[in-house]
Amino acid sequence: KLADTQWTQWRPLDRAPSIRAKLSIIVAGSVLIAAGIGGSGWRFGWPIWFRLPISVVVGLSVMRLASSGITSPLREMAIAARAMADGDYSLRVQATSRDEVGELATAFNEMASELAEVDRQRRDLVANASPELRAPIAALQAMIENLADGVSEADPPFVDTMHQQVRRLATLVDQLMSLSRLDSGEMP
């Protein structure tokens, strides 16, 4: 998992049902903290030129800290997507929130699993199809070389054997094309 390899972000707002609710909580919390600091500073007799910047800095710091938990799954998805582009489908993102980003993270992980399975099937197909295609091609090549070298005559049984190898090859190619159409959704 990608989340296991990195420092886990603080995600205090994962239980909020939407991004809009999270942002509302962050803004309201920051305003309350800033107002609290400003009010406390007034009671302590701090001048306004000192209270205001401290309130703003603390409020923005809290806002930044809390919002990093909202955006960390998006950063994880970007890293995992770049890895997928390089052929590594093993990375998953931490899907802990219940909002739209959490749904996206869950869908992203499902997509990564499906892509990994498709890639595995593709590798298996190539590994299995190569020997199946090589056999009739090698047989045809040997027969044609025998004809060219004068080792064999182009009599009907010999030509019929060549024709069988060509049909076998055509059947394998047709099966591969059908599998490709099935995989792309062109064929039920």
N, C-alpha and C. Protein backbone atom coordinates (compact mmCIF):
# COMPACT_ATOMS: atom_id res chain seq x y z
N LYS A 1 0.83 -1.19 0.00
CA LYS A 1 0.00 0.00 0.00
C LYS A 1 0.86 1.24 0.00
N LEU A 2 0.43 2.25 -0.72
CA LEU A 2 1.16 3.51 -0.76
C LEU A 2 1.18 4.16 0.60
N ALA A 3 0.07 4.11 1.32
CA ALA A 3 -0.03 4.78 2.62
C ALA A 3 0.94 4.16 3.63
N ASP A 4 1.26 2.88 3.46
CA ASP A 4 2.18 2.24 4.40
C ASP A 4 3.61 2.71 4.19
N THR A 5 3.93 3.21 2.99
CA THR A 5 5.30 3.60 2.71
C THR A 5 5.57 5.06 3.03
N GLN A 6 4.55 5.84 3.33
CA GLN A 6 4.71 7.25 3.62
C GLN A 6 4.19 7.56 5.01
N TRP A 7 4.60 8.73 5.51
CA TRP A 7 4.07 9.19 6.77
C TRP A 7 2.59 9.42 6.60
N THR A 8 1.79 8.82 7.47
CA THR A 8 0.35 8.95 7.37
C THR A 8 -0.07 10.35 7.78
N GLN A 9 -0.86 11.00 6.94
CA GLN A 9 -1.35 12.35 7.19
C GLN A 9 -2.37 12.33 8.32
N TRP A 10 -2.41 13.41 9.06
CA TRP A 10 -3.43 13.59 10.08
C TRP A 10 -4.73 13.87 9.35
N ARG A 11 -5.75 13.08 9.60
CA ARG A 11 -7.02 13.20 8.89
C ARG A 11 -8.17 13.31 9.89
N PRO A 12 -8.26 14.44 10.58
CA PRO A 12 -9.29 14.57 11.62
C PRO A 12 -10.71 14.69 11.06
N LEU A 13 -10.86 15.00 9.81
CA LEU A 13 -12.19 15.25 9.25
C LEU A 13 -12.69 14.11 8.37
N ASP A 14 -12.11 12.92 8.50
CA ASP A 14 -12.52 11.80 7.65
C ASP A 14 -13.98 11.40 7.83
N ARG A 15 -14.56 11.70 8.98
CA ARG A 15 -15.96 11.31 9.21
C ARG A 15 -16.96 12.27 8.60
N ALA A 16 -16.51 13.43 8.17
CA ALA A 16 -17.42 14.40 7.54
C ALA A 16 -17.96 13.80 6.24
N PRO A 17 -19.24 14.03 5.94
CA PRO A 17 -19.86 13.35 4.79
C PRO A 17 -19.52 13.93 3.43
N SER A 18 -18.95 15.14 3.36
CA SER A 18 -18.64 15.73 2.06
C SER A 18 -17.47 16.70 2.19
N ILE A 19 -16.90 17.03 1.05
CA ILE A 19 -15.81 18.01 1.04
C ILE A 19 -16.34 19.37 1.48
N ARG A 20 -17.55 19.70 1.06
CA ARG A 20 -18.15 20.98 1.44
C ARG A 20 -18.24 21.10 2.97
N ALA A 21 -18.65 20.03 3.63
CA ALA A 21 -18.74 20.04 5.09
C ALA A 21 -17.36 20.19 5.72
N LYS A 22 -16.37 19.50 5.16
CA LYS A 22 -15.01 19.60 5.68
C LYS A 22 -14.48 21.03 5.57
N LEU A 23 -14.69 21.63 4.40
CA LEU A 23 -14.21 23.00 4.21
C LEU A 23 -14.93 23.97 5.14
N SER A 24 -16.22 23.75 5.35
CA SER A 24 -16.97 24.62 6.27
C SER A 24 -16.43 24.50 7.68
N ILE A 25 -16.13 23.28 8.10
CA ILE A 25 -15.59 23.05 9.44
C ILE A 25 -14.22 23.71 9.58
N ILE A 26 -13.38 23.58 8.55
CA ILE A 26 -12.04 24.18 8.60
C ILE A 26 -12.12 25.70 8.70
N VAL A 27 -12.95 26.29 7.84
CA VAL A 27 -13.05 27.76 7.85
C VAL A 27 -13.64 28.24 9.18
N ALA A 28 -14.72 27.60 9.63
CA ALA A 28 -15.33 28.02 10.90
C ALA A 28 -14.36 27.84 12.06
N GLY A 29 -13.65 26.71 12.07
CA GLY A 29 -12.68 26.47 13.14
C GLY A 29 -11.56 27.48 13.14
N SER A 30 -11.06 27.81 11.96
CA SER A 30 -9.99 28.80 11.86
C SER A 30 -10.44 30.18 12.32
N VAL A 31 -11.66 30.55 11.93
CA VAL A 31 -12.20 31.85 12.35
C VAL A 31 -12.37 31.88 13.87
N LEU A 32 -12.90 30.80 14.44
CA LEU A 32 -13.09 30.74 15.89
C LEU A 32 -11.75 30.80 16.63
N ILE A 33 -10.76 30.09 16.13
CA ILE A 33 -9.44 30.13 16.77
C ILE A 33 -8.85 31.52 16.68
N ALA A 34 -8.94 32.12 15.49
CA ALA A 34 -8.41 33.48 15.32
C ALA A 34 -9.14 34.46 16.23
N ALA A 35 -10.46 34.34 16.31
CA ALA A 35 -11.23 35.23 17.18
C ALA A 35 -10.88 34.99 18.65
N GLY A 36 -10.70 33.73 19.02
CA GLY A 36 -10.33 33.41 20.39
C GLY A 36 -8.98 33.99 20.76
N ILE A 37 -8.02 33.87 19.86
CA ILE A 37 -6.69 34.44 20.13
C ILE A 37 -6.77 35.96 20.20
N GLY A 38 -7.54 36.54 19.27
CA GLY A 38 -7.70 38.00 19.28
C GLY A 38 -8.36 38.48 20.57
N GLY A 39 -9.41 37.78 21.04
CA GLY A 39 -10.09 38.15 22.28
C GLY A 39 -9.21 37.97 23.50
N SER A 40 -8.47 36.86 23.52
CA SER A 40 -7.57 36.62 24.64
C SER A 40 -6.46 37.66 24.68
N GLY A 41 -5.95 37.98 23.51
CA GLY A 41 -4.90 39.01 23.45
C GLY A 41 -5.42 40.36 23.90
N TRP A 42 -6.67 40.66 23.62
CA TRP A 42 -7.26 41.94 24.05
C TRP A 42 -7.35 41.97 25.58
N ARG A 43 -7.76 40.81 26.18
CA ARG A 43 -7.85 40.73 27.64
C ARG A 43 -6.47 40.86 28.31
N PHE A 44 -5.44 40.34 27.61
CA PHE A 44 -4.08 40.44 28.16
C PHE A 44 -3.45 41.80 27.86
N GLY A 45 -4.14 42.58 27.08
CA GLY A 45 -3.64 43.91 26.76
C GLY A 45 -2.66 43.97 25.61
N TRP A 46 -2.66 42.94 24.77
CA TRP A 46 -1.76 42.96 23.62
C TRP A 46 -2.26 44.00 22.62
N PRO A 47 -1.37 44.68 21.99
CA PRO A 47 -1.80 45.68 20.99
C PRO A 47 -2.36 44.99 19.74
N ILE A 48 -3.22 45.67 19.00
CA ILE A 48 -3.88 45.11 17.81
C ILE A 48 -2.87 44.69 16.76
N TRP A 49 -1.79 45.45 16.61
CA TRP A 49 -0.78 45.12 15.60
C TRP A 49 -0.09 43.80 15.92
N PHE A 50 -0.18 43.32 17.17
CA PHE A 50 0.40 42.04 17.56
C PHE A 50 -0.67 40.93 17.51
N ARG A 51 -1.89 41.26 18.00
CA ARG A 51 -2.98 40.27 18.04
C ARG A 51 -3.38 39.81 16.64
N LEU A 52 -3.52 40.73 15.73
CA LEU A 52 -4.02 40.41 14.39
C LEU A 52 -3.10 39.44 13.65
N PRO A 53 -1.79 39.72 13.54
CA PRO A 53 -0.95 38.75 12.82
C PRO A 53 -0.88 37.39 13.50
N ILE A 54 -0.84 37.37 14.83
CA ILE A 54 -0.80 36.09 15.55
C ILE A 54 -2.09 35.32 15.28
N SER A 55 -3.23 35.98 15.33
CA SER A 55 -4.52 35.32 15.06
C SER A 55 -4.55 34.75 13.65
N VAL A 56 -4.10 35.53 12.69
CA VAL A 56 -4.11 35.08 11.29
C VAL A 56 -3.16 33.91 11.09
N VAL A 57 -1.96 33.99 11.64
CA VAL A 57 -0.97 32.92 11.47
C VAL A 57 -1.45 31.63 12.10
N VAL A 58 -1.97 31.70 13.31
CA VAL A 58 -2.46 30.49 13.98
C VAL A 58 -3.67 29.93 13.24
N GLY A 59 -4.60 30.78 12.86
CA GLY A 59 -5.78 30.32 12.11
C GLY A 59 -5.41 29.66 10.81
N LEU A 60 -4.50 30.27 10.05
CA LEU A 60 -4.07 29.68 8.78
C LEU A 60 -3.28 28.38 8.99
N SER A 61 -2.51 28.32 10.06
CA SER A 61 -1.74 27.09 10.35
C SER A 61 -2.67 25.93 10.64
N VAL A 62 -3.69 26.19 11.45
CA VAL A 62 -4.67 25.14 11.75
C VAL A 62 -5.40 24.73 10.47
N MET A 63 -5.77 25.70 9.65
CA MET A 63 -6.46 25.43 8.39
C MET A 63 -5.59 24.58 7.46
N ARG A 64 -4.32 24.92 7.37
CA ARG A 64 -3.40 24.17 6.50
C ARG A 64 -3.21 22.75 7.00
N LEU A 65 -3.03 22.59 8.29
CA LEU A 65 -2.83 21.26 8.87
C LEU A 65 -4.05 20.37 8.63
N ALA A 66 -5.23 20.90 8.90
CA ALA A 66 -6.44 20.10 8.72
C ALA A 66 -6.73 19.82 7.25
N SER A 67 -6.45 20.78 6.38
CA SER A 67 -6.75 20.58 4.95
C SER A 67 -5.76 19.62 4.29
N SER A 68 -4.58 19.46 4.85
CA SER A 68 -3.63 18.51 4.25
C SER A 68 -4.17 17.08 4.33
N GLY A 69 -4.96 16.80 5.35
CA GLY A 69 -5.60 15.48 5.44
C GLY A 69 -6.65 15.27 4.37
N ILE A 70 -7.24 16.36 3.88
CA ILE A 70 -8.25 16.26 2.82
C ILE A 70 -7.57 15.97 1.48
N THR A 71 -6.44 16.60 1.24
CA THR A 71 -5.78 16.47 -0.06
C THR A 71 -4.78 15.33 -0.15
N SER A 72 -4.41 14.73 0.97
CA SER A 72 -3.39 13.67 0.92
C SER A 72 -3.82 12.47 0.06
N PRO A 73 -5.11 12.05 0.08
CA PRO A 73 -5.47 10.95 -0.83
C PRO A 73 -5.29 11.33 -2.30
N LEU A 74 -5.52 12.59 -2.63
CA LEU A 74 -5.33 13.03 -4.02
C LEU A 74 -3.86 12.98 -4.40
N ARG A 75 -2.98 13.37 -3.47
CA ARG A 75 -1.55 13.28 -3.75
C ARG A 75 -1.13 11.82 -3.90
N GLU A 76 -1.68 10.95 -3.05
CA GLU A 76 -1.36 9.52 -3.15
C GLU A 76 -1.82 8.97 -4.50
N MET A 77 -3.01 9.38 -4.95
CA MET A 77 -3.52 8.91 -6.24
C MET A 77 -2.62 9.38 -7.38
N ALA A 78 -2.12 10.60 -7.29
CA ALA A 78 -1.22 11.11 -8.34
C ALA A 78 0.06 10.28 -8.40
N ILE A 79 0.62 9.94 -7.24
CA ILE A 79 1.83 9.11 -7.20
C ILE A 79 1.54 7.72 -7.77
N ALA A 80 0.41 7.13 -7.34
CA ALA A 80 0.05 5.79 -7.82
C ALA A 80 -0.24 5.80 -9.32
N ALA A 81 -0.87 6.87 -9.82
CA ALA A 81 -1.17 6.96 -11.26
C ALA A 81 0.12 7.03 -12.07
N ARG A 82 1.10 7.78 -11.56
CA ARG A 82 2.39 7.84 -12.26
C ARG A 82 3.06 6.46 -12.26
N ALA A 83 2.94 5.74 -11.15
CA ALA A 83 3.51 4.39 -11.10
C ALA A 83 2.79 3.47 -12.09
N MET A 84 1.46 3.62 -12.20
CA MET A 84 0.70 2.81 -13.16
C MET A 84 1.13 3.10 -14.59
N ALA A 85 1.40 4.36 -14.87
CA ALA A 85 1.86 4.73 -16.21
C ALA A 85 3.18 4.04 -16.53
N ASP A 86 3.96 3.72 -15.50
CA ASP A 86 5.23 3.01 -15.68
C ASP A 86 5.05 1.49 -15.58
N GLY A 87 3.80 1.02 -15.42
CA GLY A 87 3.53 -0.42 -15.40
C GLY A 87 3.45 -1.05 -14.03
N ASP A 88 3.53 -0.27 -12.96
CA ASP A 88 3.43 -0.80 -11.60
C ASP A 88 2.01 -0.60 -11.08
N TYR A 89 1.24 -1.69 -11.00
CA TYR A 89 -0.16 -1.62 -10.57
C TYR A 89 -0.34 -2.02 -9.11
N SER A 90 0.75 -2.09 -8.35
CA SER A 90 0.66 -2.60 -6.99
C SER A 90 0.29 -1.54 -5.95
N LEU A 91 0.44 -0.26 -6.27
CA LEU A 91 0.19 0.78 -5.27
C LEU A 91 -1.30 0.99 -5.06
N ARG A 92 -1.68 1.19 -3.80
CA ARG A 92 -3.07 1.49 -3.44
C ARG A 92 -3.06 2.74 -2.58
N VAL A 93 -4.17 3.45 -2.57
CA VAL A 93 -4.27 4.66 -1.76
C VAL A 93 -5.13 4.38 -0.54
N GLN A 94 -4.90 5.15 0.50
CA GLN A 94 -5.63 4.99 1.74
C GLN A 94 -7.00 5.65 1.58
N ALA A 95 -8.05 4.86 1.64
CA ALA A 95 -9.41 5.37 1.47
C ALA A 95 -10.12 5.33 2.82
N THR A 96 -9.92 6.37 3.63
CA THR A 96 -10.50 6.37 4.97
C THR A 96 -11.68 7.32 5.12
N SER A 97 -11.78 8.30 4.23
CA SER A 97 -12.86 9.29 4.40
C SER A 97 -14.15 8.80 3.75
N ARG A 98 -15.26 9.41 4.17
CA ARG A 98 -16.58 9.03 3.66
C ARG A 98 -17.08 10.00 2.60
N ASP A 99 -16.26 10.94 2.19
CA ASP A 99 -16.69 11.97 1.25
C ASP A 99 -16.37 11.55 -0.19
N GLU A 100 -16.46 12.51 -1.10
CA GLU A 100 -16.23 12.25 -2.50
C GLU A 100 -14.80 11.78 -2.78
N VAL A 101 -13.84 12.30 -2.03
CA VAL A 101 -12.45 11.88 -2.22
C VAL A 101 -12.28 10.42 -1.76
N GLY A 102 -12.96 10.05 -0.69
CA GLY A 102 -12.92 8.66 -0.24
C GLY A 102 -13.52 7.71 -1.27
N GLU A 103 -14.64 8.14 -1.89
CA GLU A 103 -15.25 7.33 -2.95
C GLU A 103 -14.31 7.22 -4.14
N LEU A 104 -13.65 8.33 -4.48
CA LEU A 104 -12.69 8.32 -5.58
C LEU A 104 -11.52 7.39 -5.26
N ALA A 105 -11.04 7.42 -4.03
CA ALA A 105 -9.92 6.56 -3.63
C ALA A 105 -10.32 5.09 -3.73
N THR A 106 -11.53 4.76 -3.30
CA THR A 106 -12.02 3.38 -3.39
C THR A 106 -12.11 2.94 -4.85
N ALA A 107 -12.69 3.80 -5.70
CA ALA A 107 -12.79 3.49 -7.12
C ALA A 107 -11.40 3.37 -7.76
N PHE A 108 -10.47 4.22 -7.34
CA PHE A 108 -9.10 4.18 -7.85
C PHE A 108 -8.45 2.84 -7.50
N ASN A 109 -8.62 2.39 -6.26
CA ASN A 109 -8.04 1.11 -5.84
C ASN A 109 -8.65 -0.06 -6.63
N GLU A 110 -9.97 0.00 -6.87
CA GLU A 110 -10.63 -1.05 -7.67
C GLU A 110 -10.08 -1.04 -9.09
N MET A 111 -9.92 0.15 -9.66
CA MET A 111 -9.37 0.27 -11.01
C MET A 111 -7.96 -0.30 -11.06
N ALA A 112 -7.14 0.01 -10.07
CA ALA A 112 -5.76 -0.49 -10.03
C ALA A 112 -5.75 -2.02 -9.98
N SER A 113 -6.66 -2.60 -9.20
CA SER A 113 -6.74 -4.07 -9.12
C SER A 113 -7.15 -4.67 -10.45
N GLU A 114 -8.14 -4.05 -11.09
CA GLU A 114 -8.60 -4.56 -12.39
C GLU A 114 -7.51 -4.42 -13.45
N LEU A 115 -6.80 -3.30 -13.45
CA LEU A 115 -5.72 -3.11 -14.41
C LEU A 115 -4.59 -4.12 -14.18
N ALA A 116 -4.30 -4.41 -12.92
CA ALA A 116 -3.28 -5.41 -12.60
C ALA A 116 -3.69 -6.78 -13.14
N GLU A 117 -4.97 -7.12 -12.98
CA GLU A 117 -5.47 -8.40 -13.47
C GLU A 117 -5.44 -8.46 -15.00
N VAL A 118 -5.84 -7.38 -15.66
CA VAL A 118 -5.80 -7.33 -17.12
C VAL A 118 -4.36 -7.45 -17.62
N ASP A 119 -3.44 -6.78 -16.95
CA ASP A 119 -2.04 -6.87 -17.34
C ASP A 119 -1.52 -8.29 -17.16
N ARG A 120 -1.90 -8.94 -16.07
CA ARG A 120 -1.48 -10.33 -15.84
C ARG A 120 -2.04 -11.25 -16.93
N GLN A 121 -3.32 -11.06 -17.26
CA GLN A 121 -3.94 -11.88 -18.31
C GLN A 121 -3.28 -11.64 -19.66
N ARG A 122 -2.92 -10.38 -19.94
CA ARG A 122 -2.25 -10.06 -21.19
C ARG A 122 -0.89 -10.76 -21.27
N ARG A 123 -0.13 -10.72 -20.17
CA ARG A 123 1.17 -11.38 -20.15
C ARG A 123 1.01 -12.89 -20.33
N ASP A 124 -0.01 -13.47 -19.66
CA ASP A 124 -0.25 -14.90 -19.80
C ASP A 124 -0.64 -15.25 -21.24
N LEU A 125 -1.47 -14.41 -21.86
CA LEU A 125 -1.89 -14.66 -23.23
C LEU A 125 -0.69 -14.64 -24.18
N VAL A 126 0.16 -13.64 -24.03
CA VAL A 126 1.35 -13.55 -24.89
C VAL A 126 2.25 -14.76 -24.66
N ALA A 127 2.42 -15.14 -23.40
CA ALA A 127 3.28 -16.29 -23.09
C ALA A 127 2.70 -17.58 -23.65
N ASN A 128 1.37 -17.72 -23.62
CA ASN A 128 0.74 -18.95 -24.11
C ASN A 128 0.55 -18.95 -25.63
N ALA A 129 0.31 -17.77 -26.21
CA ALA A 129 0.05 -17.70 -27.65
C ALA A 129 1.31 -17.88 -28.47
N SER A 130 2.43 -17.42 -27.97
CA SER A 130 3.67 -17.49 -28.74
C SER A 130 4.03 -18.92 -29.14
N PRO A 131 4.05 -19.88 -28.21
CA PRO A 131 4.38 -21.26 -28.64
C PRO A 131 3.32 -21.85 -29.58
N GLU A 132 2.05 -21.50 -29.33
CA GLU A 132 0.98 -22.02 -30.18
C GLU A 132 1.11 -21.51 -31.61
N LEU A 133 1.54 -20.29 -31.78
CA LEU A 133 1.73 -19.73 -33.12
C LEU A 133 3.04 -20.22 -33.74
N ARG A 134 4.04 -20.42 -32.91
CA ARG A 134 5.35 -20.82 -33.42
C ARG A 134 5.32 -22.21 -34.06
N ALA A 135 4.54 -23.14 -33.51
CA ALA A 135 4.53 -24.51 -34.03
C ALA A 135 4.07 -24.58 -35.49
N PRO A 136 2.90 -24.04 -35.86
CA PRO A 136 2.52 -24.14 -37.27
C PRO A 136 3.42 -23.32 -38.19
N ILE A 137 3.94 -22.21 -37.68
CA ILE A 137 4.84 -21.40 -38.52
C ILE A 137 6.12 -22.18 -38.79
N ALA A 138 6.66 -22.83 -37.76
CA ALA A 138 7.89 -23.62 -37.94
C ALA A 138 7.65 -24.79 -38.89
N ALA A 139 6.48 -25.43 -38.77
CA ALA A 139 6.17 -26.55 -39.68
C ALA A 139 6.07 -26.06 -41.12
N LEU A 140 5.39 -24.93 -41.33
CA LEU A 140 5.27 -24.38 -42.68
C LEU A 140 6.64 -23.97 -43.22
N GLN A 141 7.43 -23.35 -42.40
CA GLN A 141 8.76 -22.91 -42.83
C GLN A 141 9.59 -24.11 -43.27
N ALA A 142 9.56 -25.18 -42.48
CA ALA A 142 10.33 -26.39 -42.83
C ALA A 142 9.82 -26.99 -44.13
N MET A 143 8.51 -27.04 -44.33
CA MET A 143 7.96 -27.61 -45.55
C MET A 143 8.32 -26.77 -46.77
N ILE A 144 8.25 -25.44 -46.61
CA ILE A 144 8.59 -24.56 -47.74
C ILE A 144 10.08 -24.68 -48.07
N GLU A 145 10.93 -24.78 -47.03
CA GLU A 145 12.36 -24.96 -47.27
C GLU A 145 12.63 -26.28 -47.98
N ASN A 146 11.90 -27.34 -47.59
CA ASN A 146 12.06 -28.64 -48.24
C ASN A 146 11.67 -28.54 -49.72
N LEU A 147 10.59 -27.80 -49.99
CA LEU A 147 10.18 -27.61 -51.39
C LEU A 147 11.25 -26.84 -52.16
N ALA A 148 11.75 -25.76 -51.55
CA ALA A 148 12.75 -24.92 -52.22
C ALA A 148 14.05 -25.67 -52.46
N ASP A 149 14.43 -26.54 -51.53
CA ASP A 149 15.69 -27.29 -51.66
C ASP A 149 15.53 -28.54 -52.52
N GLY A 150 14.30 -28.85 -52.90
CA GLY A 150 14.06 -30.03 -53.71
C GLY A 150 14.02 -31.31 -52.91
N VAL A 151 13.96 -31.23 -51.60
CA VAL A 151 13.91 -32.41 -50.75
C VAL A 151 12.53 -33.06 -50.85
N SER A 152 11.49 -32.26 -51.00
CA SER A 152 10.13 -32.76 -51.08
C SER A 152 9.50 -32.31 -52.39
N GLU A 153 8.53 -33.11 -52.83
CA GLU A 153 7.77 -32.79 -54.02
C GLU A 153 6.47 -32.11 -53.59
N ALA A 154 5.91 -31.29 -54.48
CA ALA A 154 4.64 -30.60 -54.20
C ALA A 154 3.47 -31.51 -54.56
N ASP A 155 3.51 -32.75 -54.05
CA ASP A 155 2.42 -33.68 -54.33
C ASP A 155 1.22 -33.37 -53.43
N PRO A 156 0.03 -33.87 -53.77
CA PRO A 156 -1.19 -33.52 -53.02
C PRO A 156 -1.12 -33.77 -51.51
N PRO A 157 -0.58 -34.90 -51.02
CA PRO A 157 -0.52 -35.06 -49.56
C PRO A 157 0.37 -34.01 -48.89
N PHE A 158 1.47 -33.66 -49.53
CA PHE A 158 2.37 -32.65 -48.97
C PHE A 158 1.70 -31.28 -48.93
N VAL A 159 1.05 -30.91 -50.02
CA VAL A 159 0.34 -29.63 -50.09
C VAL A 159 -0.82 -29.62 -49.08
N ASP A 160 -1.50 -30.77 -48.92
CA ASP A 160 -2.60 -30.86 -47.95
C ASP A 160 -2.07 -30.65 -46.52
N THR A 161 -0.91 -31.17 -46.19
CA THR A 161 -0.31 -30.97 -44.87
C THR A 161 0.00 -29.49 -44.66
N MET A 162 0.53 -28.84 -45.70
CA MET A 162 0.80 -27.41 -45.60
C MET A 162 -0.50 -26.63 -45.39
N HIS A 163 -1.53 -27.04 -46.11
CA HIS A 163 -2.83 -26.37 -45.99
C HIS A 163 -3.39 -26.53 -44.57
N GLN A 164 -3.23 -27.71 -43.98
CA GLN A 164 -3.70 -27.93 -42.59
C GLN A 164 -2.96 -27.00 -41.62
N GLN A 165 -1.67 -26.82 -41.82
CA GLN A 165 -0.89 -25.94 -40.94
C GLN A 165 -1.36 -24.48 -41.10
N VAL A 166 -1.66 -24.09 -42.33
CA VAL A 166 -2.15 -22.73 -42.57
C VAL A 166 -3.51 -22.55 -41.90
N ARG A 167 -4.40 -23.55 -42.00
CA ARG A 167 -5.72 -23.47 -41.35
C ARG A 167 -5.56 -23.41 -39.83
N ARG A 168 -4.64 -24.19 -39.30
CA ARG A 168 -4.39 -24.16 -37.84
C ARG A 168 -3.93 -22.77 -37.41
N LEU A 169 -3.04 -22.20 -38.18
CA LEU A 169 -2.54 -20.85 -37.90
C LEU A 169 -3.67 -19.83 -38.00
N ALA A 170 -4.50 -19.94 -39.04
CA ALA A 170 -5.63 -19.02 -39.21
C ALA A 170 -6.62 -19.15 -38.06
N THR A 171 -6.86 -20.35 -37.58
CA THR A 171 -7.76 -20.56 -36.45
C THR A 171 -7.21 -19.89 -35.19
N LEU A 172 -5.92 -20.04 -34.94
CA LEU A 172 -5.30 -19.40 -33.78
C LEU A 172 -5.40 -17.87 -33.88
N VAL A 173 -5.15 -17.33 -35.05
CA VAL A 173 -5.24 -15.87 -35.24
C VAL A 173 -6.68 -15.41 -35.05
N ASP A 174 -7.65 -16.17 -35.60
CA ASP A 174 -9.07 -15.82 -35.40
C ASP A 174 -9.45 -15.84 -33.93
N GLN A 175 -8.96 -16.83 -33.19
CA GLN A 175 -9.25 -16.89 -31.76
C GLN A 175 -8.65 -15.70 -31.02
N LEU A 176 -7.44 -15.32 -31.38
CA LEU A 176 -6.81 -14.15 -30.76
C LEU A 176 -7.60 -12.88 -31.08
N MET A 177 -8.06 -12.75 -32.32
CA MET A 177 -8.83 -11.56 -32.69
C MET A 177 -10.18 -11.54 -31.97
N SER A 178 -10.81 -12.70 -31.83
CA SER A 178 -12.08 -12.78 -31.09
C SER A 178 -11.87 -12.41 -29.63
N LEU A 179 -10.78 -12.90 -29.06
CA LEU A 179 -10.46 -12.55 -27.68
C LEU A 179 -10.22 -11.05 -27.54
N SER A 180 -9.56 -10.46 -28.49
CA SER A 180 -9.31 -9.02 -28.47
C SER A 180 -10.63 -8.25 -28.56
N ARG A 181 -11.54 -8.67 -29.45
CA ARG A 181 -12.85 -8.00 -29.57
C ARG A 181 -13.67 -8.19 -28.30
N LEU A 182 -13.59 -9.37 -27.71
CA LEU A 182 -14.31 -9.64 -26.47
C LEU A 182 -13.78 -8.76 -25.33
N ASP A 183 -12.46 -8.65 -25.27
CA ASP A 183 -11.83 -7.84 -24.23
C ASP A 183 -12.15 -6.35 -24.39
N SER A 184 -12.26 -5.88 -25.62
CA SER A 184 -12.55 -4.45 -25.84
C SER A 184 -14.03 -4.14 -25.76
N GLY A 185 -14.88 -5.16 -25.63
CA GLY A 185 -16.31 -4.93 -25.49
C GLY A 185 -17.05 -4.89 -26.81
N GLU A 186 -16.38 -5.15 -27.93
CA GLU A 186 -17.03 -5.13 -29.24
C GLU A 186 -17.94 -6.35 -29.43
N MET A 187 -17.69 -7.39 -28.64
CA MET A 187 -18.39 -8.65 -28.83
C MET A 187 -18.93 -9.13 -27.48
N PRO A 188 -20.18 -9.58 -27.43
CA PRO A 188 -20.71 -10.04 -26.12
C PRO A 188 -20.09 -11.37 -25.70
